[in-house]
Each structure stands twice: as C-alpha cells, then as structure tokens.
C-alpha cells in the first residue's frame, strides 16, 4: 500500500506520521496519481498547525500539501484529455500532496511538458503561475514600469523579482535595515521539493520550468 505523511493532531512537524493509506479508485472527473516530487510551501505550515487559512483543511487525520508532479496511474469516469502514463503537475487544492499516491480532480491538473525536470517543476510551479498572473494578468508590466516586491528574499520573491527584468522594468525590494536595492538582472530562484524518500537540494535554474508552466497553462486554457 502507498504511504503518506498523515497528521492525526494539528501542530508542529513532529506530528507527521509516515504510514500506509488507502487511496481507492478515481471517481468521475478524477485520476489516481503516483507522485514523482512534492512541492513544499509555507502555507503548508498553516494547514499543518491549524492556523486559519482560506483553503479548507478538515479535521485530522489529514494529509496536507497542494503542489506536486507525478504520473497518472488510472482515470475515472468522464475524464477527457488524460490517460494512464501521462506526466502531470498541479498546484492547487484539494490538499493531499504529502503522499506517494492520491486522487486528484482533472479540472486543475495540467500536462507536464517534455524535457522538464519534475523535481524542479514541483518546487516552482505555483510560484511561477503566481508570478505570471501578477506580471501579465493582474497588471501587464511594461518597459519603464517600477515594480515593488515585498518579501523579495522569500520563495515567491526569488521568482517574482527576476521576472520584470525580462521586459526591462526595474524591480525594487524594500528592506527594514538596508537601503532599497534595484535589480535589472535575472537571479536564480531557490526552490525546495521533496519526494517520499528524500529531500532534494535547492534548484539553481528554474526559469525553464517557469516558462513551461506558462506554456502548459495556455494550452490548458485553449483546451477548455
């Protein structure tokens, strides 16, 4: 049977229990996945610790995590566009990514482009999608624009700060102790992802994965 990091009582990381789980067969609009890599996000600590958050967690026992790459093992009724063997990625609830296998709805599932490292993509996917809509959808950043990025040293900031430089604007990251620094050059984003067996070191070059996220999102939007 597959295993998962199950929480029987909300609190610190010591409450994780790596134990066998029953996954079952996918229902209508679902697939059963075998994870390749699992993204670790700060919001996971809220879900684990019982801190109020917009995304529902539910009562223990519960499995947290909402970002991963993997392979489709089987598909449920009325599933179109996915089949067993497909390489996929997701970055939204329902929670349950801290597991070797799980069920997941296809309406927020995307195909993983060929040639992309699944470990790097699992660590950058949600951040890359967020950076994309902030820089291109919420407001289309243009040459000459100034972009103010708070918490630029965090995971999201490391993806967001280099983003405007590709379009020639200037990004500014405020600091409480040091003068503000301007950045026009792309920098490497630090990512962290985990598999059921081990934690991988940070990835130094996620830009290709971020571009793949955008491409996959566009193809999925056209398909729908």
Protein backbone atom coordinates (compact mmCIF):
# COMPACT_ATOMS: atom_id res chain seq x y z
CA UNK A 1 0.00 0.00 0.00
CA UNK A 2 1.16 3.59 -0.62
CA UNK A 3 2.24 5.75 2.28
CA UNK A 4 1.62 9.37 3.27
CA UNK A 5 2.69 11.88 5.91
CA UNK A 6 -0.51 11.82 7.95
CA UNK A 7 -1.39 14.33 10.69
CA UNK A 8 -3.51 12.94 13.49
CA UNK A 9 -3.21 16.10 15.57
CA UNK A 10 -2.51 19.57 14.23
CA UNK A 11 0.70 21.18 15.44
CA UNK A 12 4.42 21.01 14.71
CA UNK A 13 6.27 18.79 12.22
CA UNK A 14 6.75 16.18 14.92
CA UNK A 15 3.07 15.30 14.40
CA UNK A 16 3.69 13.81 10.96
CA UNK A 17 3.29 10.03 10.84
CA UNK A 18 4.52 8.25 7.70
CA UNK A 19 2.00 5.46 7.39
CA UNK A 20 0.05 3.39 4.91
CA UNK A 21 -3.11 4.87 3.40
CA UNK A 22 -5.97 3.59 1.29
CA UNK A 23 -6.31 5.59 -1.94
CA UNK A 24 -9.09 3.80 -3.80
CA UNK A 25 -10.30 4.16 -7.38
CA UNK A 26 -10.78 7.56 -9.04
CA UNK A 27 -14.32 8.89 -9.21
CA UNK A 28 -15.92 10.94 -12.00
CA UNK A 29 -13.52 13.64 -13.20
CA UNK A 30 -10.62 12.28 -11.13
CA UNK A 31 -7.35 10.47 -11.75
CA UNK A 32 -5.18 8.41 -9.48
CA UNK A 33 -1.62 9.75 -9.36
CA UNK A 34 1.75 8.38 -8.31
CA UNK A 35 3.83 11.37 -7.21
CA UNK A 36 7.32 11.99 -8.56
CA UNK A 37 8.08 15.08 -6.45
CA UNK A 38 6.12 17.15 -3.93
CA UNK A 39 6.39 20.90 -3.52
CA UNK A 40 6.86 22.31 -0.01
CA UNK A 41 5.15 25.67 0.61
CA UNK A 42 4.93 27.99 3.60
CA UNK A 43 1.14 27.67 3.58
CA UNK A 44 1.63 24.00 4.45
CA UNK A 45 2.71 25.08 7.94
CA UNK A 46 -0.63 26.87 8.39
CA UNK A 47 -2.54 23.79 7.32
CA UNK A 48 -0.42 21.52 9.50
CA UNK A 49 -0.62 23.76 12.57
CA UNK A 50 -4.30 24.66 12.44
CA UNK A 51 -3.67 28.34 11.62
CA UNK A 52 -6.70 29.95 9.89
CA UNK A 53 -6.31 29.92 6.11
CA UNK A 54 -8.71 30.42 3.15
CA UNK A 55 -8.20 26.84 1.96
CA UNK A 56 -10.14 24.26 3.98
CA UNK A 57 -8.09 21.59 5.71
CA UNK A 58 -10.60 19.45 7.58
CA UNK A 59 -10.26 17.58 10.82
CA UNK A 60 -7.45 15.05 11.45
CA UNK A 61 -6.39 12.59 10.30
CA UNK A 62 -5.44 14.69 7.27
CA UNK A 63 -2.74 14.87 4.61
CA UNK A 64 -1.58 18.37 3.62
CA UNK A 65 0.27 19.68 0.56
CA UNK A 66 -1.15 21.07 -2.70
CA UNK A 67 1.68 21.02 -5.25
CA UNK A 68 3.32 18.07 -6.98
CA UNK A 69 4.36 16.36 -10.18
CA UNK A 70 3.54 12.77 -10.96
CA UNK A 71 2.23 10.14 -13.33
CA UNK A 72 -1.37 9.17 -13.99
CA UNK A 73 -1.99 5.59 -12.89
CA UNK A 74 -5.69 5.33 -13.78
CA UNK A 75 -8.58 7.59 -14.77
CA UNK A 76 -12.15 7.77 -13.54
CA UNK A 77 -15.40 8.08 -15.48
CA UNK A 78 -15.95 11.13 -17.71
CA UNK A 79 -12.25 12.04 -17.77
CA UNK A 80 -11.10 13.56 -21.05
CA UNK A 81 -7.59 14.57 -22.07
CA UNK A 82 -5.76 12.35 -19.58
CA UNK A 83 -4.77 8.70 -19.65
CA UNK A 84 -2.58 6.30 -17.73
CA UNK A 85 1.09 7.12 -18.12
CA UNK A 86 0.65 10.89 -18.59
CA UNK A 87 3.15 13.09 -16.75
CA UNK A 88 1.28 15.82 -14.90
CA UNK A 89 1.64 18.72 -12.47
CA UNK A 90 -0.74 20.58 -10.15
CA UNK A 91 -0.56 23.45 -7.67
CA UNK A 92 -4.00 23.85 -6.11
CA UNK A 93 -6.16 22.07 -3.51
CA UNK A 94 -7.70 19.72 -2.64
CA UNK A 95 -4.94 19.04 -0.14
CA UNK A 96 -3.24 15.67 -0.01
CA UNK A 97 0.09 16.03 -1.84
CA UNK A 98 2.25 14.72 1.03
CA UNK A 99 1.64 11.18 -0.18
CA UNK A 100 3.13 8.65 -2.55
CA UNK A 101 -0.22 8.27 -4.34
CA UNK A 102 -3.51 10.16 -4.29
CA UNK A 103 -6.73 11.00 -6.17
CA UNK A 104 -6.91 14.40 -7.84
CA UNK A 105 -9.53 16.24 -9.98
CA UNK A 106 -8.62 16.86 -13.61
CA UNK A 107 -10.11 20.36 -13.77
CA UNK A 108 -6.96 21.77 -12.11
CA UNK A 109 -4.48 19.22 -13.45
CA UNK A 110 -2.01 20.08 -16.24
CA UNK A 111 0.19 18.02 -18.51
CA UNK A 112 3.89 18.33 -17.78
CA UNK A 113 5.89 19.46 -20.83
CA UNK A 114 8.61 17.16 -22.14
CA UNK A 115 12.18 17.86 -21.08
CA UNK A 116 11.30 19.50 -17.76
CA UNK A 117 12.80 18.23 -14.51
CA UNK A 118 9.80 17.04 -12.43
CA UNK A 119 11.59 17.83 -9.15
CA UNK A 120 12.36 21.41 -10.19
CA UNK A 121 8.84 21.90 -11.55
CA UNK A 122 7.22 20.66 -8.33
CA UNK A 123 9.16 23.29 -6.41
CA UNK A 124 8.46 26.21 -8.78
CA UNK A 125 5.03 25.58 -10.31
CA UNK A 126 2.72 27.57 -8.04
CA UNK A 127 5.27 30.38 -7.68
CA UNK A 128 5.74 30.53 -11.45
CA UNK A 129 1.99 30.63 -12.09
CA UNK A 130 1.55 33.34 -9.44
CA UNK A 131 4.37 35.44 -10.91
CA UNK A 132 2.86 35.04 -14.37
CA UNK A 133 -0.58 36.34 -13.48
CA UNK A 134 0.79 39.17 -11.35
CA UNK A 135 3.11 40.41 -14.12
CA UNK A 136 0.87 39.72 -17.10
CA UNK A 137 -2.76 39.41 -15.98
CA UNK A 138 -3.32 41.49 -12.83
CA UNK A 139 -1.31 44.25 -14.50
CA UNK A 140 0.67 43.93 -17.71
CA UNK A 141 4.13 45.18 -16.74
CA UNK A 142 5.72 47.34 -19.46
CA UNK A 143 9.22 48.75 -20.06
CA UNK A 144 9.79 51.70 -17.76
CA UNK A 145 7.46 50.47 -15.00
CA UNK A 146 8.64 50.16 -11.42
CA UNK A 147 7.63 47.02 -9.56
CA UNK A 148 7.69 46.95 -5.75
CA UNK A 149 8.19 43.43 -4.39
CA UNK A 150 7.67 42.80 -0.67
CA UNK A 151 9.42 39.85 1.00
CA UNK A 152 11.74 39.54 -2.01
CA UNK A 153 14.03 37.15 -0.13
CA UNK A 154 11.29 34.52 0.11
CA UNK A 155 10.46 31.77 -2.34
CA UNK A 156 7.87 33.85 -4.21
CA UNK A 157 10.15 36.89 -4.27
CA UNK A 158 13.00 34.92 -5.82
CA UNK A 159 10.75 34.13 -8.77
CA UNK A 160 8.97 37.48 -8.96
CA UNK A 161 12.00 39.81 -8.76
CA UNK A 162 13.80 38.49 -11.89
CA UNK A 163 10.51 38.42 -13.83
CA UNK A 164 10.18 42.12 -14.70
CA UNK A 165 13.81 42.29 -15.82
CA UNK A 166 12.95 40.21 -18.87
CA UNK A 167 10.65 43.04 -20.00
CA UNK A 168 13.07 45.84 -18.97
CA UNK A 169 11.22 47.36 -16.00
CA UNK A 170 13.05 47.90 -12.71
CA UNK A 171 12.12 45.96 -9.59
CA UNK A 172 12.67 47.30 -6.09
CA UNK A 173 12.80 45.20 -2.93
CA UNK A 174 12.36 47.13 0.36
CA UNK A 175 14.33 46.17 3.45
CA UNK A 176 13.97 47.26 7.04
CA UNK A 177 17.72 47.52 7.69
CA UNK A 178 19.35 48.12 4.34
CA UNK A 179 18.73 50.62 1.53
CA UNK A 180 16.41 49.51 -1.21
CA UNK A 181 18.13 47.68 -3.97
CA UNK A 182 17.27 47.83 -7.63
CA UNK A 183 17.65 44.77 -9.79
CA UNK A 184 17.68 44.56 -13.60
CA UNK A 185 19.45 41.22 -13.87
CA UNK A 186 17.76 37.86 -13.53
CA UNK A 187 18.76 35.89 -10.45
CA UNK A 188 18.40 32.22 -9.65
CA UNK A 189 15.33 31.30 -7.67
CA UNK A 190 15.68 28.92 -4.76
CA UNK A 191 13.20 26.08 -4.70
CA UNK A 192 12.64 23.16 -2.42
CA UNK A 193 10.83 19.99 -3.26
CA UNK A 194 10.58 16.58 -1.71
CA UNK A 195 9.90 13.02 -2.75
CA UNK A 196 8.54 10.32 -0.44
CA UNK A 197 12.12 9.13 0.06
CA UNK A 198 14.29 12.22 0.36
CA UNK A 199 14.57 16.00 0.26
CA UNK A 200 16.40 17.41 -2.74
CA UNK A 201 18.81 20.37 -2.66
CA UNK A 202 17.63 23.74 -3.97
CA UNK A 203 17.39 24.12 -7.72
CA UNK A 204 19.56 26.85 -9.18
CA UNK A 205 17.84 27.44 -12.54
CA UNK A 206 14.05 27.22 -12.54
CA UNK A 207 13.48 29.65 -15.42
CA UNK A 208 12.82 26.88 -17.94
CA UNK A 209 10.29 25.32 -15.58
CA UNK A 210 8.56 28.67 -15.12
CA UNK A 211 8.30 29.08 -18.90
CA UNK A 212 6.91 25.56 -19.14
CA UNK A 213 4.24 26.46 -16.57
CA UNK A 214 3.08 29.36 -18.71
CA UNK A 215 3.04 27.27 -21.88
CA UNK A 216 1.11 24.46 -20.21
CA UNK A 217 -1.42 26.91 -18.73
CA UNK A 218 -2.09 28.46 -22.13
CA UNK A 219 -2.61 25.07 -23.78
CA UNK A 220 -4.97 24.02 -20.98
CA UNK A 221 -6.98 27.26 -21.29
CA UNK A 222 -7.41 26.73 -25.04
CA UNK A 223 -8.47 23.12 -24.45
CA UNK A 224 -11.20 24.23 -22.04
